[in-house]
C-alpha atoms as a PDB file:
ATOM      1  CA  UNK A   1      22.783  11.272  -3.940  1.00  0.00           C
ATOM      2  CA  UNK A   2      24.859   8.375  -5.271  1.00  0.00           C
ATOM      3  CA  UNK A   3      23.310   4.936  -4.965  1.00  0.00           C
ATOM      4  CA  UNK A   4      25.073   1.770  -3.834  1.00  0.00           C
ATOM      5  CA  UNK A   5      23.849  -1.692  -4.665  1.00  0.00           C
ATOM      6  CA  UNK A   6      23.409  -4.128  -1.795  1.00  0.00           C
ATOM      7  CA  UNK A   7      22.717  -7.826  -1.921  1.00  0.00           C
ATOM      8  CA  UNK A   8      20.771  -9.782   0.654  1.00  0.00           C
ATOM      9  CA  UNK A   9      19.247 -13.228   0.835  1.00  0.00           C
ATOM     10  CA  UNK A  10      15.778 -13.491   2.330  1.00  0.00           C
ATOM     11  CA  UNK A  11      13.061 -16.115   2.333  1.00  0.00           C
ATOM     12  CA  UNK A  12      10.791 -15.963  -0.705  1.00  0.00           C
ATOM     13  CA  UNK A  13       7.789 -14.977   1.406  1.00  0.00           C
ATOM     14  CA  UNK A  14       9.729 -11.996   2.801  1.00  0.00           C
ATOM     15  CA  UNK A  15      10.784 -10.984  -0.706  1.00  0.00           C
ATOM     16  CA  UNK A  16       7.198 -11.230  -1.946  1.00  0.00           C
ATOM     17  CA  UNK A  17       5.878  -9.177   0.968  1.00  0.00           C
ATOM     18  CA  UNK A  18       8.526  -6.519   0.276  1.00  0.00           C
ATOM     19  CA  UNK A  19       7.529  -6.413  -3.407  1.00  0.00           C
ATOM     20  CA  UNK A  20       3.831  -6.168  -2.576  1.00  0.00           C
ATOM     21  CA  UNK A  21       4.255  -3.484   0.077  1.00  0.00           C
ATOM     22  CA  UNK A  22       6.566  -1.457  -2.161  1.00  0.00           C
ATOM     23  CA  UNK A  23       4.001  -1.642  -4.957  1.00  0.00           C
ATOM     24  CA  UNK A  24       1.221  -0.605  -2.554  1.00  0.00           C
ATOM     25  CA  UNK A  25       3.264   2.482  -1.673  1.00  0.00           C
ATOM     26  CA  UNK A  26       4.234   3.226  -5.275  1.00  0.00           C
ATOM     27  CA  UNK A  27       7.905   2.624  -4.516  1.00  0.00           C
ATOM     28  CA  UNK A  28      10.605   0.433  -5.923  1.00  0.00           C
ATOM     29  CA  UNK A  29      11.750  -2.345  -3.599  1.00  0.00           C
ATOM     30  CA  UNK A  30      15.056  -0.505  -3.154  1.00  0.00           C
ATOM     31  CA  UNK A  31      13.325   2.735  -2.179  1.00  0.00           C
ATOM     32  CA  UNK A  32      10.997   0.845   0.162  1.00  0.00           C
ATOM     33  CA  UNK A  33      13.932  -0.852   1.909  1.00  0.00           C
ATOM     34  CA  UNK A  34      15.788   2.472   2.142  1.00  0.00           C
ATOM     35  CA  UNK A  35      12.713   3.999   3.805  1.00  0.00           C
ATOM     36  CA  UNK A  36      12.560   1.161   6.325  1.00  0.00           C
ATOM     37  CA  UNK A  37      16.240   1.553   7.193  1.00  0.00           C
ATOM     38  CA  UNK A  38      15.967   5.343   7.533  1.00  0.00           C
ATOM     39  CA  UNK A  39      12.900   5.024   9.756  1.00  0.00           C
ATOM     40  CA  UNK A  40      14.543   2.366  11.914  1.00  0.00           C
ATOM     41  CA  UNK A  41      17.920   4.087  12.172  1.00  0.00           C
ATOM     42  CA  UNK A  42      16.283   7.447  12.849  1.00  0.00           C
ATOM     43  CA  UNK A  43      14.237   6.024  15.718  1.00  0.00           C
ATOM     44  CA  UNK A  44      10.857   6.589  14.034  1.00  0.00           C
ATOM     45  CA  UNK A  45       9.782   2.987  14.487  1.00  0.00           C
ATOM     46  CA  UNK A  46      10.768   2.944  18.160  1.00  0.00           C
ATOM     47  CA  UNK A  47       8.912   6.196  18.803  1.00  0.00           C
ATOM     48  CA  UNK A  48       5.794   4.840  17.080  1.00  0.00           C
ATOM     49  CA  UNK A  49       5.888   1.627  19.116  1.00  0.00           C
ATOM     50  CA  UNK A  50       6.368   3.625  22.322  1.00  0.00           C
ATOM     51  CA  UNK A  51       3.432   5.892  21.440  1.00  0.00           C
ATOM     52  CA  UNK A  52       1.223   2.868  20.755  1.00  0.00           C
ATOM     53  CA  UNK A  53       2.219   1.309  24.087  1.00  0.00           C
ATOM     54  CA  UNK A  54       1.399   4.541  25.941  1.00  0.00           C
ATOM     55  CA  UNK A  55      -1.983   4.754  24.187  1.00  0.00           C
ATOM     56  CA  UNK A  56      -2.851   1.176  25.104  1.00  0.00           C
ATOM     57  CA  UNK A  57      -1.724   1.660  28.695  1.00  0.00           C
ATOM     58  CA  UNK A  58      -3.905   4.748  29.006  1.00  0.00           C
ATOM     59  CA  UNK A  59      -6.981   3.228  27.359  1.00  0.00           C
ATOM     60  CA  UNK A  60      -6.669  -0.493  28.163  1.00  0.00           C
ATOM     61  CA  UNK A  61      -9.726  -0.423  30.431  1.00  0.00           C
ATOM     62  CA  UNK A  62     -11.924   0.693  27.530  1.00  0.00           C
ATOM     63  CA  UNK A  63     -10.672  -2.181  25.362  1.00  0.00           C
ATOM     64  CA  UNK A  64     -11.093  -4.686  28.211  1.00  0.00           C
ATOM     65  CA  UNK A  65     -14.663  -3.542  28.829  1.00  0.00           C
ATOM     66  CA  UNK A  66     -15.580  -3.736  25.144  1.00  0.00           C
ATOM     67  CA  UNK A  67     -14.075  -7.206  24.888  1.00  0.00           C
ATOM     68  CA  UNK A  68     -15.953  -8.412  27.976  1.00  0.00           C
ATOM     69  CA  UNK A  69     -19.216  -7.023  26.619  1.00  0.00           C
ATOM     70  CA  UNK A  70     -18.621  -8.704  23.270  1.00  0.00           C
ATOM     71  CA  UNK A  71     -17.948 -12.019  25.005  1.00  0.00           C
ATOM     72  CA  UNK A  72     -21.134 -11.621  27.059  1.00  0.00           C
ATOM     73  CA  UNK A  73     -23.110 -10.846  23.919  1.00  0.00           C
ATOM     74  CA  UNK A  74     -24.322  -7.571  25.420  1.00  0.00           C
ATOM     75  CA  UNK A  75     -25.441  -4.972  22.952  1.00  0.00           C
ATOM     76  CA  UNK A  76     -24.323  -1.414  23.640  1.00  0.00           C
ATOM     77  CA  UNK A  77     -26.923   0.984  24.998  1.00  0.00           C
ATOM     78  CA  UNK A  78     -27.921   4.077  23.073  1.00  0.00           C
ATOM     79  CA  UNK A  79     -24.979   6.434  22.834  1.00  0.00           C
ATOM     80  CA  UNK A  80     -22.381   3.728  23.487  1.00  0.00           C
ATOM     81  CA  UNK A  81     -19.936   2.656  20.841  1.00  0.00           C
ATOM     82  CA  UNK A  82     -20.563  -0.730  19.309  1.00  0.00           C
ATOM     83  CA  UNK A  83     -17.613  -3.127  19.286  1.00  0.00           C
ATOM     84  CA  UNK A  84     -16.015  -3.408  15.849  1.00  0.00           C
END
């Protein structure tokens, strides 16, 4: 596929984060940005956010209970999960 060069101005901290994340993924900055655009335009990001929201809605009580126990300093009983 033919490539087209784009130019964009971003804050230095955004540019540095893009460079670091691209390196973490073993991608060039251009390939990393292309992946982000494809994911966003294809709806992948929106679907992931929706899935996360559904998960939290379904399991919020578990998180609330664990947070309350952590604030109270209560240790979990045998067989219970310890807060992270």
